Amino acid sequence: MKSQLVIQNLKCNGCASTITAKLTDLDFVHSVAVDVDHSTVEVIYEQEDNLPIVLEALRRLGYPQVGDNNPLTTKAQSYVSCAIGKMNHKSIK
């Protein structure tokens, strides 16, 4: 299955790094592509019933789908996820 999700709070490659790392940690996810410019995440996964798990993982990281609730606490979580992604991305280089 393949889904392209439009998400909130996606700001930079640090965010993208965290999203990619966390989603690819899910056993049923085969690939993740993040487009920062368009705030999209394309995910290829095994079964249709895996999509709610992907959406919940994104929400917990601070990146809910467009149209979903996006309170201040979720926005704050996205900043934390972004910072972690930036640190991890720098350590890889």
N, C-alpha and C. Protein backbone atom coordinates (compact mmCIF):
# COMPACT_ATOMS: atom_id res chain seq x y z
N MET A 1 0.84 -1.16 0.00
CA MET A 1 0.00 0.00 0.00
C MET A 1 0.89 1.23 0.00
N LYS A 2 0.37 2.29 -0.59
CA LYS A 2 1.11 3.54 -0.64
C LYS A 2 0.16 4.69 -0.33
N SER A 3 0.60 5.58 0.57
CA SER A 3 -0.20 6.75 0.91
C SER A 3 0.68 7.99 0.89
N GLN A 4 0.10 9.07 0.39
CA GLN A 4 0.77 10.36 0.48
C GLN A 4 -0.04 11.20 1.46
N LEU A 5 0.59 11.59 2.55
CA LEU A 5 -0.07 12.30 3.63
C LEU A 5 0.41 13.74 3.66
N VAL A 6 -0.52 14.66 3.81
CA VAL A 6 -0.17 16.07 3.99
C VAL A 6 -0.24 16.33 5.49
N ILE A 7 0.88 16.77 6.05
CA ILE A 7 0.96 16.92 7.50
C ILE A 7 1.22 18.36 7.92
N GLN A 8 0.99 18.62 9.18
CA GLN A 8 1.21 19.94 9.77
C GLN A 8 2.56 19.97 10.50
N ASN A 9 3.09 21.16 10.70
CA ASN A 9 4.28 21.43 11.51
C ASN A 9 5.59 20.97 10.89
N LEU A 10 5.60 20.55 9.66
CA LEU A 10 6.83 20.13 8.98
C LEU A 10 7.59 21.38 8.54
N LYS A 11 8.77 21.59 9.11
CA LYS A 11 9.49 22.83 8.89
C LYS A 11 10.82 22.69 8.15
N CYS A 12 11.50 21.56 8.34
CA CYS A 12 12.87 21.49 7.82
C CYS A 12 13.32 20.04 7.66
N ASN A 13 14.59 19.88 7.27
CA ASN A 13 15.15 18.55 7.10
C ASN A 13 15.36 17.83 8.44
N GLY A 14 15.44 18.58 9.54
CA GLY A 14 15.49 17.94 10.85
C GLY A 14 14.20 17.19 11.13
N CYS A 15 13.09 17.85 10.82
CA CYS A 15 11.78 17.20 10.95
C CYS A 15 11.73 15.96 10.06
N ALA A 16 12.16 16.13 8.82
CA ALA A 16 12.13 15.02 7.86
C ALA A 16 12.97 13.85 8.33
N SER A 17 14.12 14.15 8.92
CA SER A 17 15.00 13.10 9.42
C SER A 17 14.34 12.29 10.52
N THR A 18 13.70 12.98 11.46
CA THR A 18 13.00 12.29 12.54
C THR A 18 11.85 11.46 12.01
N ILE A 19 11.05 12.03 11.13
CA ILE A 19 9.91 11.31 10.57
C ILE A 19 10.38 10.05 9.85
N THR A 20 11.39 10.19 9.02
CA THR A 20 11.91 9.04 8.27
C THR A 20 12.42 7.96 9.21
N ALA A 21 13.20 8.35 10.21
CA ALA A 21 13.76 7.38 11.15
C ALA A 21 12.68 6.65 11.93
N LYS A 22 11.72 7.40 12.45
CA LYS A 22 10.68 6.77 13.29
C LYS A 22 9.73 5.89 12.49
N LEU A 23 9.36 6.32 11.29
CA LEU A 23 8.45 5.50 10.50
C LEU A 23 9.13 4.26 9.94
N THR A 24 10.39 4.37 9.56
CA THR A 24 11.09 3.18 9.04
C THR A 24 11.40 2.18 10.15
N ASP A 25 11.30 2.62 11.41
CA ASP A 25 11.44 1.68 12.54
C ASP A 25 10.24 0.74 12.64
N LEU A 26 9.11 1.12 12.05
CA LEU A 26 7.94 0.25 12.06
C LEU A 26 8.17 -0.91 11.10
N ASP A 27 8.00 -2.13 11.59
CA ASP A 27 8.32 -3.33 10.80
C ASP A 27 7.59 -3.40 9.47
N PHE A 28 6.40 -2.89 9.40
CA PHE A 28 5.58 -3.02 8.20
C PHE A 28 5.79 -1.89 7.19
N VAL A 29 6.61 -0.90 7.52
CA VAL A 29 6.88 0.22 6.60
C VAL A 29 8.08 -0.14 5.74
N HIS A 30 7.90 -0.05 4.42
CA HIS A 30 8.96 -0.39 3.48
C HIS A 30 9.77 0.81 3.03
N SER A 31 9.13 1.97 2.92
CA SER A 31 9.88 3.17 2.56
C SER A 31 9.11 4.42 2.98
N VAL A 32 9.88 5.50 3.17
CA VAL A 32 9.33 6.79 3.57
C VAL A 32 10.04 7.86 2.76
N ALA A 33 9.27 8.79 2.19
CA ALA A 33 9.84 9.93 1.48
C ALA A 33 9.14 11.18 1.99
N VAL A 34 9.93 12.13 2.49
CA VAL A 34 9.39 13.36 3.05
C VAL A 34 9.72 14.52 2.12
N ASP A 35 8.71 15.30 1.78
CA ASP A 35 8.88 16.50 0.96
C ASP A 35 8.57 17.71 1.83
N VAL A 36 9.63 18.36 2.31
CA VAL A 36 9.48 19.49 3.22
C VAL A 36 8.74 20.64 2.54
N ASP A 37 9.05 20.92 1.29
CA ASP A 37 8.44 22.04 0.58
C ASP A 37 6.92 21.93 0.46
N HIS A 38 6.42 20.70 0.37
CA HIS A 38 4.98 20.49 0.20
C HIS A 38 4.31 19.89 1.44
N SER A 39 5.09 19.73 2.51
CA SER A 39 4.58 19.16 3.77
C SER A 39 3.91 17.80 3.57
N THR A 40 4.56 16.96 2.77
CA THR A 40 4.01 15.63 2.51
C THR A 40 4.95 14.53 2.96
N VAL A 41 4.35 13.41 3.30
CA VAL A 41 5.08 12.19 3.62
C VAL A 41 4.47 11.08 2.78
N GLU A 42 5.29 10.45 1.98
CA GLU A 42 4.83 9.29 1.21
C GLU A 42 5.34 8.05 1.91
N VAL A 43 4.43 7.15 2.23
CA VAL A 43 4.76 5.94 2.97
C VAL A 43 4.30 4.72 2.19
N ILE A 44 5.18 3.76 2.06
CA ILE A 44 4.81 2.46 1.48
C ILE A 44 4.85 1.44 2.61
N TYR A 45 3.73 0.76 2.80
CA TYR A 45 3.56 -0.15 3.92
C TYR A 45 2.82 -1.40 3.46
N GLU A 46 2.75 -2.39 4.33
CA GLU A 46 2.25 -3.71 3.94
C GLU A 46 0.74 -3.79 3.74
N GLN A 47 -0.05 -3.35 4.71
CA GLN A 47 -1.49 -3.57 4.67
C GLN A 47 -2.25 -2.28 4.97
N GLU A 48 -3.48 -2.22 4.48
CA GLU A 48 -4.31 -1.04 4.68
C GLU A 48 -4.50 -0.71 6.15
N ASP A 49 -4.61 -1.74 7.00
CA ASP A 49 -4.83 -1.47 8.42
C ASP A 49 -3.59 -0.96 9.14
N ASN A 50 -2.45 -0.82 8.43
CA ASN A 50 -1.25 -0.22 9.00
C ASN A 50 -1.31 1.31 8.99
N LEU A 51 -2.14 1.88 8.13
CA LEU A 51 -2.20 3.34 7.99
C LEU A 51 -2.55 4.05 9.30
N PRO A 52 -3.54 3.61 10.07
CA PRO A 52 -3.82 4.29 11.33
C PRO A 52 -2.61 4.31 12.29
N ILE A 53 -1.80 3.27 12.24
CA ILE A 53 -0.61 3.22 13.09
C ILE A 53 0.40 4.26 12.63
N VAL A 54 0.56 4.41 11.33
CA VAL A 54 1.46 5.43 10.77
C VAL A 54 0.97 6.82 11.17
N LEU A 55 -0.32 7.06 11.02
CA LEU A 55 -0.89 8.37 11.37
C LEU A 55 -0.70 8.67 12.86
N GLU A 56 -0.88 7.68 13.70
CA GLU A 56 -0.69 7.88 15.14
C GLU A 56 0.78 8.16 15.47
N ALA A 57 1.69 7.47 14.79
CA ALA A 57 3.12 7.73 15.01
C ALA A 57 3.47 9.16 14.62
N LEU A 58 2.95 9.61 13.50
CA LEU A 58 3.18 11.00 13.08
C LEU A 58 2.60 11.98 14.10
N ARG A 59 1.41 11.71 14.57
CA ARG A 59 0.77 12.59 15.55
C ARG A 59 1.60 12.67 16.83
N ARG A 60 2.09 11.53 17.31
CA ARG A 60 2.90 11.51 18.53
C ARG A 60 4.21 12.27 18.36
N LEU A 61 4.73 12.30 17.14
CA LEU A 61 5.95 13.05 16.86
C LEU A 61 5.69 14.55 16.73
N GLY A 62 4.42 14.93 16.60
CA GLY A 62 4.06 16.34 16.47
C GLY A 62 3.68 16.75 15.06
N TYR A 63 3.37 15.77 14.21
CA TYR A 63 3.06 16.03 12.81
C TYR A 63 1.71 15.41 12.42
N PRO A 64 0.61 15.97 12.93
CA PRO A 64 -0.71 15.42 12.55
C PRO A 64 -1.04 15.76 11.10
N GLN A 65 -1.96 15.00 10.56
CA GLN A 65 -2.44 15.27 9.20
C GLN A 65 -3.13 16.62 9.15
N VAL A 66 -3.06 17.27 8.01
CA VAL A 66 -3.81 18.51 7.81
C VAL A 66 -5.28 18.21 8.04
N GLY A 67 -5.93 19.06 8.80
CA GLY A 67 -7.33 18.88 9.14
C GLY A 67 -7.53 18.27 10.52
N ASP A 68 -6.49 17.61 11.05
CA ASP A 68 -6.58 17.05 12.39
C ASP A 68 -6.26 18.13 13.42
N ASN A 69 -6.65 17.88 14.65
CA ASN A 69 -6.39 18.80 15.74
C ASN A 69 -4.88 19.04 15.87
N ASN A 70 -4.48 20.30 16.05
CA ASN A 70 -3.07 20.66 16.15
C ASN A 70 -2.87 21.65 17.30
N PRO A 71 -3.06 21.17 18.55
CA PRO A 71 -2.93 22.08 19.68
C PRO A 71 -1.48 22.49 19.92
N LEU A 72 -1.29 23.43 20.81
CA LEU A 72 0.04 23.94 21.13
C LEU A 72 0.98 22.83 21.58
N THR A 73 0.46 21.85 22.32
CA THR A 73 1.31 20.75 22.79
C THR A 73 1.84 19.92 21.63
N THR A 74 1.04 19.75 20.60
CA THR A 74 1.48 19.01 19.41
C THR A 74 2.54 19.81 18.66
N LYS A 75 2.32 21.11 18.54
CA LYS A 75 3.31 21.96 17.88
C LYS A 75 4.63 21.93 18.64
N ALA A 76 4.56 21.97 19.97
CA ALA A 76 5.77 21.91 20.79
C ALA A 76 6.49 20.57 20.57
N GLN A 77 5.74 19.49 20.48
CA GLN A 77 6.36 18.18 20.24
C GLN A 77 7.07 18.17 18.90
N SER A 78 6.53 18.85 17.90
CA SER A 78 7.19 18.88 16.59
C SER A 78 8.53 19.59 16.67
N TYR A 79 8.63 20.62 17.54
CA TYR A 79 9.92 21.31 17.72
C TYR A 79 10.95 20.39 18.36
N VAL A 80 10.51 19.58 19.31
CA VAL A 80 11.40 18.60 19.94
C VAL A 80 11.86 17.58 18.91
N SER A 81 10.92 17.05 18.14
CA SER A 81 11.24 16.07 17.10
C SER A 81 12.20 16.67 16.08
N CYS A 82 11.97 17.92 15.73
CA CYS A 82 12.83 18.62 14.77
C CYS A 82 14.25 18.72 15.31
N ALA A 83 14.39 19.13 16.57
CA ALA A 83 15.71 19.28 17.17
C ALA A 83 16.45 17.94 17.22
N ILE A 84 15.75 16.89 17.57
CA ILE A 84 16.36 15.55 17.60
C ILE A 84 16.80 15.16 16.20
N GLY A 85 15.96 15.42 15.22
CA GLY A 85 16.31 15.11 13.83
C GLY A 85 17.53 15.87 13.37
N LYS A 86 17.64 17.13 13.75
CA LYS A 86 18.82 17.93 13.38
C LYS A 86 20.07 17.38 14.01
N MET A 87 20.00 17.00 15.30
CA MET A 87 21.17 16.44 15.98
C MET A 87 21.57 15.12 15.34
N ASN A 88 20.61 14.27 15.07
CA ASN A 88 20.91 12.96 14.47
C ASN A 88 21.44 13.11 13.05
N HIS A 89 20.90 14.06 12.31
CA HIS A 89 21.33 14.29 10.93
C HIS A 89 22.78 14.77 10.90
N LYS A 90 23.17 15.64 11.83
CA LYS A 90 24.54 16.14 11.91
C LYS A 90 25.50 15.05 12.31
N SER A 91 25.08 14.14 13.21
CA SER A 91 25.98 13.09 13.65
C SER A 91 26.22 12.05 12.57
N ILE A 92 25.34 11.96 11.59
CA ILE A 92 25.50 11.01 10.49
C ILE A 92 26.56 11.50 9.51
N LYS A 93 26.64 12.81 9.31
CA LYS A 93 27.56 13.38 8.33
C LYS A 93 28.99 13.22 8.71
